[in-house]
Structures are given as structure tokens and as C-alpha cells.
Amino acid sequence: MKDLPGMPGTTGGLALRLSQLFFSAAALVVMATTSDFPSVTAFCYLVAAAGLQCLWSCSLAIVDVYALLVRRTLQNHRVVCLFTLGDGMTSTLTFAAACASAGITVLIDNDLDSCGHNHCAQFETATAWPSFPGSPHYHLFS
């Protein structure tokens, strides 16, 4: 394999992984700080998916840092396949959770017109955060 920008074990890959970690952690914190998120299953699903995404991104960021410290790129076929499968699963779960949460947020805001009684701004923010970075390595090696 040739070196591609953003591949695992490079500075670009680490930057993408850290941005993924930041955005999923932001979604997790924003949603978890609302008092009534446990009352909606889609919001609980978003918190769980964002938490899983945080763990996955953090662990792979540590692997990227290690690879940078020992000055090796991660070009092992099995490692790349593991990263691809993990990124595919976590991105699918996060995307599904964000879609479900967006649907509930639209229902609360537009259809029920009860945004004054809920934390709509926080729900909308938490729903949008995990969608920004995507999965940095998934599209490079699939």
C-alpha cells in the first residue's frame, strides 16, 4: 500500500481521529446534560452510540500516537481490515442514532410545537455533532 493522506499511523490520520473523538464527545456531553433525554429512546440510543464512538476513536488515536512514536505506518492488511470494520460499524450506529434523534427533534419542534417545554436547541446540537467528522479511515481502505 502506498501512503495516503489520513491513513492510520500518520499525522493526518491522528488529526482525523481526534476530530472524530471531539465531535462524538461533544454530542455525548450536550445530550447527557439535558434532564429529559432518558425519556426518549432515540436520545438514549444517541448517547450510547456517541459513547461507543468515543471509546473507539480514543483507542485508535492511541494506536495512531504509538505508530507515530515508533515511526511506522499501519499498513498491515489485518489491522486495516479491523479499522475498516470498526469504523463501518461505529459510523453506521452513530448515523442511525443521529437520524432517529433528528426525527424526534423535528417531531417535537415542528409537529408538536412544544419546543418551549423541551431542550430543543440542545437536542438539535447533539444530533448534528456526530455527523461532522465522519469516519476518517473507512473510505480510504474499504
C-alpha atoms as a PDB file:
ATOM      1  CA  MET A   1       0.000   0.000   0.000  1.00  0.00           C
ATOM      2  CA  LYS A   2       1.156   3.487  -0.641  1.00  0.00           C
ATOM      3  CA  ASP A   3       0.935   6.282   1.919  1.00  0.00           C
ATOM      4  CA  LEU A   4      -2.369   8.094   1.599  1.00  0.00           C
ATOM      5  CA  PRO A   5      -3.316  11.254   3.476  1.00  0.00           C
ATOM      6  CA  GLY A   6      -5.279  10.386   6.590  1.00  0.00           C
ATOM      7  CA  MET A   7      -4.335   6.727   6.734  1.00  0.00           C
ATOM      8  CA  PRO A   8      -3.821   5.086  10.140  1.00  0.00           C
ATOM      9  CA  GLY A   9      -0.469   5.808  11.726  1.00  0.00           C
ATOM     10  CA  THR A  10       0.029   9.210  10.095  1.00  0.00           C
ATOM     11  CA  THR A  11      -0.338  12.738  11.429  1.00  0.00           C
ATOM     12  CA  GLY A  12      -3.366  13.304   9.199  1.00  0.00           C
ATOM     13  CA  GLY A  13      -4.958  10.105  10.451  1.00  0.00           C
ATOM     14  CA  LEU A  14      -4.389  11.155  14.036  1.00  0.00           C
ATOM     15  CA  ALA A  15      -5.921  14.575  13.349  1.00  0.00           C
ATOM     16  CA  LEU A  16      -8.992  12.974  11.792  1.00  0.00           C
ATOM     17  CA  ARG A  17      -9.291  10.505  14.668  1.00  0.00           C
ATOM     18  CA  LEU A  18      -9.030  13.283  17.265  1.00  0.00           C
ATOM     19  CA  SER A  19     -11.668  15.343  15.452  1.00  0.00           C
ATOM     20  CA  GLN A  20     -13.918  12.293  15.417  1.00  0.00           C
ATOM     21  CA  LEU A  21     -13.336  11.909  19.152  1.00  0.00           C
ATOM     22  CA  PHE A  22     -14.052  15.602  19.793  1.00  0.00           C
ATOM     23  CA  PHE A  23     -17.330  15.671  17.873  1.00  0.00           C
ATOM     24  CA  SER A  24     -18.672  12.459  19.362  1.00  0.00           C
ATOM     25  CA  ALA A  25     -17.688  13.593  22.868  1.00  0.00           C
ATOM     26  CA  ALA A  26     -19.418  16.934  22.264  1.00  0.00           C
ATOM     27  CA  ALA A  27     -22.611  15.164  21.193  1.00  0.00           C
ATOM     28  CA  LEU A  28     -22.405  12.909  24.225  1.00  0.00           C
ATOM     29  CA  VAL A  29     -21.907  15.780  26.664  1.00  0.00           C
ATOM     30  CA  VAL A  30     -24.582  18.030  25.149  1.00  0.00           C
ATOM     31  CA  MET A  31     -27.205  15.292  25.113  1.00  0.00           C
ATOM     32  CA  ALA A  32     -26.321  13.881  28.531  1.00  0.00           C
ATOM     33  CA  THR A  33     -26.559  17.298  30.199  1.00  0.00           C
ATOM     34  CA  THR A  34     -30.252  17.604  29.368  1.00  0.00           C
ATOM     35  CA  SER A  35     -32.509  16.440  32.135  1.00  0.00           C
ATOM     36  CA  ASP A  36     -35.117  14.751  29.953  1.00  0.00           C
ATOM     37  CA  PHE A  37     -33.067  12.791  27.395  1.00  0.00           C
ATOM     38  CA  PRO A  38     -33.724   9.423  29.130  1.00  0.00           C
ATOM     39  CA  SER A  39     -37.431   9.773  28.395  1.00  0.00           C
ATOM     40  CA  VAL A  40     -36.863   9.295  24.638  1.00  0.00           C
ATOM     41  CA  THR A  41     -35.357   6.052  23.367  1.00  0.00           C
ATOM     42  CA  ALA A  42     -33.768   7.679  20.301  1.00  0.00           C
ATOM     43  CA  PHE A  43     -31.875  10.125  22.512  1.00  0.00           C
ATOM     44  CA  CYS A  44     -30.651   7.280  24.730  1.00  0.00           C
ATOM     45  CA  TYR A  45     -29.530   5.486  21.578  1.00  0.00           C
ATOM     46  CA  LEU A  46     -27.594   8.605  20.504  1.00  0.00           C
ATOM     47  CA  VAL A  47     -25.863   8.786  23.882  1.00  0.00           C
ATOM     48  CA  ALA A  48     -24.932   5.102  23.689  1.00  0.00           C
ATOM     49  CA  ALA A  49     -23.691   5.385  20.086  1.00  0.00           C
ATOM     50  CA  ALA A  50     -21.699   8.545  20.840  1.00  0.00           C
ATOM     51  CA  GLY A  51     -20.166   6.844  23.875  1.00  0.00           C
ATOM     52  CA  LEU A  52     -19.147   3.838  21.785  1.00  0.00           C
ATOM     53  CA  GLN A  53     -17.754   6.174  19.124  1.00  0.00           C
ATOM     54  CA  CYS A  54     -15.715   7.985  21.800  1.00  0.00           C
ATOM     55  CA  LEU A  55     -14.213   4.727  23.042  1.00  0.00           C
ATOM     56  CA  TRP A  56     -13.404   3.519  19.528  1.00  0.00           C
ATOM     57  CA  SER A  57     -11.880   6.839  18.456  1.00  0.00           C
ATOM     58  CA  CYS A  58      -9.855   7.176  21.650  1.00  0.00           C
ATOM     59  CA  SER A  59      -8.417   3.683  21.381  1.00  0.00           C
ATOM     60  CA  LEU A  60      -7.458   4.158  17.736  1.00  0.00           C
ATOM     61  CA  ALA A  61      -5.989   7.586  18.474  1.00  0.00           C
ATOM     62  CA  ILE A  62      -3.725   5.870  20.996  1.00  0.00           C
ATOM     63  CA  VAL A  63      -2.711   3.358  18.317  1.00  0.00           C
ATOM     64  CA  ASP A  64      -2.002   6.241  15.913  1.00  0.00           C
ATOM     65  CA  VAL A  65       0.146   8.006  18.526  1.00  0.00           C
ATOM     66  CA  TYR A  66       2.086   4.807  19.136  1.00  0.00           C
ATOM     67  CA  ALA A  67       2.642   4.316  15.402  1.00  0.00           C
ATOM     68  CA  LEU A  68       3.893   7.901  15.114  1.00  0.00           C
ATOM     69  CA  LEU A  69       6.229   7.467  18.079  1.00  0.00           C
ATOM     70  CA  VAL A  70       7.844   4.335  16.647  1.00  0.00           C
ATOM     71  CA  ARG A  71       7.739   5.887  13.143  1.00  0.00           C
ATOM     72  CA  ARG A  72       5.724   3.170  11.485  1.00  0.00           C
ATOM     73  CA  THR A  73       2.671   3.374   9.309  1.00  0.00           C
ATOM     74  CA  LEU A  74      -0.024   0.815   9.915  1.00  0.00           C
ATOM     75  CA  GLN A  75      -0.030  -0.985   6.585  1.00  0.00           C
ATOM     76  CA  ASN A  76      -0.747  -4.468   7.884  1.00  0.00           C
ATOM     77  CA  HIS A  77      -3.728  -5.877   5.987  1.00  0.00           C
ATOM     78  CA  ARG A  78      -5.368  -7.325   9.114  1.00  0.00           C
ATOM     79  CA  VAL A  79      -5.017  -4.082  11.065  1.00  0.00           C
ATOM     80  CA  VAL A  80      -6.501  -2.082   8.206  1.00  0.00           C
ATOM     81  CA  CYS A  81      -9.389  -4.553   7.923  1.00  0.00           C
ATOM     82  CA  LEU A  82     -10.023  -4.270  11.673  1.00  0.00           C
ATOM     83  CA  PHE A  83     -10.015  -0.461  11.470  1.00  0.00           C
ATOM     84  CA  THR A  84     -12.355  -0.570   8.468  1.00  0.00           C
ATOM     85  CA  LEU A  85     -14.833  -2.934  10.123  1.00  0.00           C
ATOM     86  CA  GLY A  86     -14.809  -0.994  13.389  1.00  0.00           C
ATOM     87  CA  ASP A  87     -15.225   2.338  11.633  1.00  0.00           C
ATOM     88  CA  GLY A  88     -18.008   0.922   9.488  1.00  0.00           C
ATOM     89  CA  MET A  89     -19.931  -0.402  12.468  1.00  0.00           C
ATOM     90  CA  THR A  90     -19.495   2.658  14.678  1.00  0.00           C
ATOM     91  CA  SER A  91     -20.295   5.084  11.856  1.00  0.00           C
ATOM     92  CA  THR A  92     -23.440   3.133  10.953  1.00  0.00           C
ATOM     93  CA  LEU A  93     -24.607   3.083  14.578  1.00  0.00           C
ATOM     94  CA  THR A  94     -23.857   6.777  15.040  1.00  0.00           C
ATOM     95  CA  PHE A  95     -25.572   7.716  11.781  1.00  0.00           C
ATOM     96  CA  ALA A  96     -28.667   5.698  12.680  1.00  0.00           C
ATOM     97  CA  ALA A  97     -28.777   7.270  16.138  1.00  0.00           C
ATOM     98  CA  ALA A  98     -28.386  10.777  14.710  1.00  0.00           C
ATOM     99  CA  CYS A  99     -31.174  10.126  12.187  1.00  0.00           C
ATOM    100  CA  ALA A 100     -33.513   8.781  14.864  1.00  0.00           C
ATOM    101  CA  SER A 101     -32.752  11.728  17.139  1.00  0.00           C
ATOM    102  CA  ALA A 102     -33.253  14.193  14.281  1.00  0.00           C
ATOM    103  CA  GLY A 103     -36.653  12.677  13.590  1.00  0.00           C
ATOM    104  CA  ILE A 104     -37.711  13.060  17.218  1.00  0.00           C
ATOM    105  CA  THR A 105     -36.348  16.618  17.322  1.00  0.00           C
ATOM    106  CA  VAL A 106     -38.354  17.549  14.201  1.00  0.00           C
ATOM    107  CA  LEU A 107     -41.422  15.947  15.755  1.00  0.00           C
ATOM    108  CA  ILE A 108     -41.009  17.977  18.958  1.00  0.00           C
ATOM    109  CA  ASP A 109     -40.202  21.224  17.168  1.00  0.00           C
ATOM    110  CA  ASN A 110     -42.412  21.304  14.073  1.00  0.00           C
ATOM    111  CA  ASP A 111     -45.238  18.870  14.677  1.00  0.00           C
ATOM    112  CA  LEU A 112     -45.918  19.112  18.411  1.00  0.00           C
ATOM    113  CA  ASP A 113     -44.830  22.745  18.700  1.00  0.00           C
ATOM    114  CA  SER A 114     -43.593  22.120  22.229  1.00  0.00           C
ATOM    115  CA  CYS A 115     -40.021  23.377  21.993  1.00  0.00           C
ATOM    116  CA  GLY A 116     -40.695  25.795  24.837  1.00  0.00           C
ATOM    117  CA  HIS A 117     -41.118  22.864  27.231  1.00  0.00           C
ATOM    118  CA  ASN A 118     -38.095  20.901  25.960  1.00  0.00           C
ATOM    119  CA  HIS A 119     -34.404  21.405  25.297  1.00  0.00           C
ATOM    120  CA  CYS A 120     -34.766  21.617  21.508  1.00  0.00           C
ATOM    121  CA  ALA A 121     -31.603  23.632  20.919  1.00  0.00           C
ATOM    122  CA  GLN A 122     -29.533  21.105  22.851  1.00  0.00           C
ATOM    123  CA  PHE A 123     -31.225  18.178  21.114  1.00  0.00           C
ATOM    124  CA  GLU A 124     -30.547  19.718  17.688  1.00  0.00           C
ATOM    125  CA  THR A 125     -26.924  20.451  18.594  1.00  0.00           C
ATOM    126  CA  ALA A 126     -26.296  16.951  19.916  1.00  0.00           C
ATOM    127  CA  THR A 127     -27.925  15.441  16.833  1.00  0.00           C
ATOM    128  CA  ALA A 128     -25.743  17.470  14.458  1.00  0.00           C
ATOM    129  CA  TRP A 129     -22.342  16.982  16.176  1.00  0.00           C
ATOM    130  CA  PRO A 130     -21.642  13.322  15.340  1.00  0.00           C
ATOM    131  CA  SER A 131     -22.374  13.939  11.662  1.00  0.00           C
ATOM    132  CA  PHE A 132     -19.456  16.321  11.057  1.00  0.00           C
ATOM    133  CA  PRO A 133     -16.263  14.262  11.028  1.00  0.00           C
ATOM    134  CA  GLY A 134     -17.488  11.002   9.561  1.00  0.00           C
ATOM    135  CA  SER A 135     -15.188   8.035   9.769  1.00  0.00           C
ATOM    136  CA  PRO A 136     -11.725   9.098   8.758  1.00  0.00           C
ATOM    137  CA  HIS A 137     -10.305   5.765   7.662  1.00  0.00           C
ATOM    138  CA  TYR A 138     -13.357   3.904   6.442  1.00  0.00           C
ATOM    139  CA  HIS A 139     -13.407   5.346   2.931  1.00  0.00           C
ATOM    140  CA  LEU A 140      -9.640   5.003   2.438  1.00  0.00           C
ATOM    141  CA  PHE A 141      -9.371   1.253   2.785  1.00  0.00           C
ATOM    142  CA  SER A 142     -12.749  -0.266   2.053  1.00  0.00           C
END
